[in-house]
């Protein structure tokens, strides 16, 4: 049995916020040269916004705003449980 402190056996670490999740997804794309978190703020209690700058080939830049909010679980449309 591996030791509890073996970092190779712990699995993926949980993301700390929506900005970091999006950065991880974008940085794996072959056209993304660089990513910078330009800013963050709280628009409502518990809703944090992150502004990201993404550098693309040819000097193009993409600016993205993402919100991180906890939303209660809702059933998906079209899914029916029970009889």
C-alpha atoms as a PDB file:
ATOM      1  CA  UNK A   1       0.000   0.000   0.000  1.00  0.00           C
ATOM      2  CA  UNK A   2       1.503   3.401  -0.966  1.00  0.00           C
ATOM      3  CA  UNK A   3       2.309   5.903   1.742  1.00  0.00           C
ATOM      4  CA  UNK A   4      -0.337   8.591   2.327  1.00  0.00           C
ATOM      5  CA  UNK A   5       2.227  11.286   1.598  1.00  0.00           C
ATOM      6  CA  UNK A   6       3.242   9.821  -1.793  1.00  0.00           C
ATOM      7  CA  UNK A   7       2.386  12.684  -4.208  1.00  0.00           C
ATOM      8  CA  UNK A   8       2.225  10.331  -7.177  1.00  0.00           C
ATOM      9  CA  UNK A   9      -0.686   8.431  -5.667  1.00  0.00           C
ATOM     10  CA  UNK A  10      -2.899  11.261  -4.420  1.00  0.00           C
ATOM     11  CA  UNK A  11      -4.678  11.937  -7.728  1.00  0.00           C
ATOM     12  CA  UNK A  12      -5.582  15.347  -9.099  1.00  0.00           C
ATOM     13  CA  UNK A  13      -5.723  18.266  -6.705  1.00  0.00           C
ATOM     14  CA  UNK A  14      -9.021  20.152  -6.484  1.00  0.00           C
ATOM     15  CA  UNK A  15      -9.132  23.486  -8.322  1.00  0.00           C
ATOM     16  CA  UNK A  16      -9.218  26.487  -6.055  1.00  0.00           C
ATOM     17  CA  UNK A  17     -11.317  28.765  -8.276  1.00  0.00           C
ATOM     18  CA  UNK A  18     -12.900  29.098 -11.722  1.00  0.00           C
ATOM     19  CA  UNK A  19     -10.007  31.207 -12.977  1.00  0.00           C
ATOM     20  CA  UNK A  20      -7.489  28.457 -12.300  1.00  0.00           C
ATOM     21  CA  UNK A  21      -9.734  25.806 -13.866  1.00  0.00           C
ATOM     22  CA  UNK A  22     -10.034  27.843 -17.036  1.00  0.00           C
ATOM     23  CA  UNK A  23      -6.284  28.537 -17.078  1.00  0.00           C
ATOM     24  CA  UNK A  24      -5.539  24.809 -16.851  1.00  0.00           C
ATOM     25  CA  UNK A  25      -7.904  24.071 -19.722  1.00  0.00           C
ATOM     26  CA  UNK A  26      -6.577  26.851 -21.933  1.00  0.00           C
ATOM     27  CA  UNK A  27      -2.863  26.301 -21.310  1.00  0.00           C
ATOM     28  CA  UNK A  28      -3.134  22.765 -22.677  1.00  0.00           C
ATOM     29  CA  UNK A  29      -4.322  24.135 -26.059  1.00  0.00           C
ATOM     30  CA  UNK A  30      -1.504  24.237 -28.636  1.00  0.00           C
ATOM     31  CA  UNK A  31      -2.415  27.776 -29.825  1.00  0.00           C
ATOM     32  CA  UNK A  32      -2.147  29.342 -26.365  1.00  0.00           C
ATOM     33  CA  UNK A  33       1.216  31.042 -25.849  1.00  0.00           C
ATOM     34  CA  UNK A  34       0.639  32.613 -22.429  1.00  0.00           C
ATOM     35  CA  UNK A  35      -2.112  33.331 -19.894  1.00  0.00           C
ATOM     36  CA  UNK A  36      -2.252  36.060 -17.278  1.00  0.00           C
ATOM     37  CA  UNK A  37      -4.815  36.659 -14.548  1.00  0.00           C
ATOM     38  CA  UNK A  38      -5.431  40.385 -15.005  1.00  0.00           C
ATOM     39  CA  UNK A  39      -7.663  40.917 -12.019  1.00  0.00           C
ATOM     40  CA  UNK A  40     -10.338  39.612  -9.727  1.00  0.00           C
ATOM     41  CA  UNK A  41     -13.217  41.037  -7.753  1.00  0.00           C
ATOM     42  CA  UNK A  42     -16.319  40.121  -5.815  1.00  0.00           C
ATOM     43  CA  UNK A  43     -19.509  41.289  -7.546  1.00  0.00           C
ATOM     44  CA  UNK A  44     -21.955  39.802  -5.049  1.00  0.00           C
ATOM     45  CA  UNK A  45     -21.491  37.950  -1.783  1.00  0.00           C
ATOM     46  CA  UNK A  46     -19.763  34.718  -2.757  1.00  0.00           C
ATOM     47  CA  UNK A  47     -19.487  35.430  -6.500  1.00  0.00           C
ATOM     48  CA  UNK A  48     -15.908  36.114  -7.556  1.00  0.00           C
ATOM     49  CA  UNK A  49     -14.978  37.296 -11.054  1.00  0.00           C
ATOM     50  CA  UNK A  50     -11.625  36.694 -12.715  1.00  0.00           C
ATOM     51  CA  UNK A  51     -10.337  38.519 -15.799  1.00  0.00           C
ATOM     52  CA  UNK A  52      -7.894  36.541 -17.908  1.00  0.00           C
ATOM     53  CA  UNK A  53      -5.658  37.642 -20.774  1.00  0.00           C
ATOM     54  CA  UNK A  54      -4.709  34.931 -23.266  1.00  0.00           C
ATOM     55  CA  UNK A  55      -1.881  35.502 -25.761  1.00  0.00           C
ATOM     56  CA  UNK A  56      -2.377  33.743 -29.094  1.00  0.00           C
ATOM     57  CA  UNK A  57      -0.127  33.355 -32.167  1.00  0.00           C
ATOM     58  CA  UNK A  58       0.424  36.430 -34.308  1.00  0.00           C
ATOM     59  CA  UNK A  59       0.196  38.771 -31.324  1.00  0.00           C
ATOM     60  CA  UNK A  60      -3.560  38.304 -30.951  1.00  0.00           C
ATOM     61  CA  UNK A  61      -4.975  38.616 -27.459  1.00  0.00           C
ATOM     62  CA  UNK A  62      -8.144  37.154 -26.016  1.00  0.00           C
ATOM     63  CA  UNK A  63      -9.727  38.640 -22.900  1.00  0.00           C
ATOM     64  CA  UNK A  64     -12.035  36.436 -20.825  1.00  0.00           C
ATOM     65  CA  UNK A  65     -14.132  37.193 -17.744  1.00  0.00           C
ATOM     66  CA  UNK A  66     -15.263  34.214 -15.685  1.00  0.00           C
ATOM     67  CA  UNK A  67     -17.417  34.060 -12.553  1.00  0.00           C
ATOM     68  CA  UNK A  68     -16.933  31.568  -9.753  1.00  0.00           C
ATOM     69  CA  UNK A  69     -20.136  30.929  -7.828  1.00  0.00           C
ATOM     70  CA  UNK A  70     -21.562  28.025  -5.882  1.00  0.00           C
ATOM     71  CA  UNK A  71     -24.920  27.069  -7.321  1.00  0.00           C
ATOM     72  CA  UNK A  72     -27.312  24.559  -5.768  1.00  0.00           C
ATOM     73  CA  UNK A  73     -27.692  21.299  -7.661  1.00  0.00           C
ATOM     74  CA  UNK A  74     -30.646  21.301 -10.039  1.00  0.00           C
ATOM     75  CA  UNK A  75     -31.992  18.418 -12.085  1.00  0.00           C
ATOM     76  CA  UNK A  76     -31.004  18.594 -15.750  1.00  0.00           C
ATOM     77  CA  UNK A  77     -33.769  19.172 -18.258  1.00  0.00           C
ATOM     78  CA  UNK A  78     -34.853  15.967 -19.929  1.00  0.00           C
ATOM     79  CA  UNK A  79     -33.764  13.679 -17.109  1.00  0.00           C
ATOM     80  CA  UNK A  80     -36.484  11.901 -15.207  1.00  0.00           C
ATOM     81  CA  UNK A  81     -35.890   9.882 -12.067  1.00  0.00           C
ATOM     82  CA  UNK A  82     -38.405   7.553 -10.559  1.00  0.00           C
ATOM     83  CA  UNK A  83     -41.427   5.730 -11.942  1.00  0.00           C
END
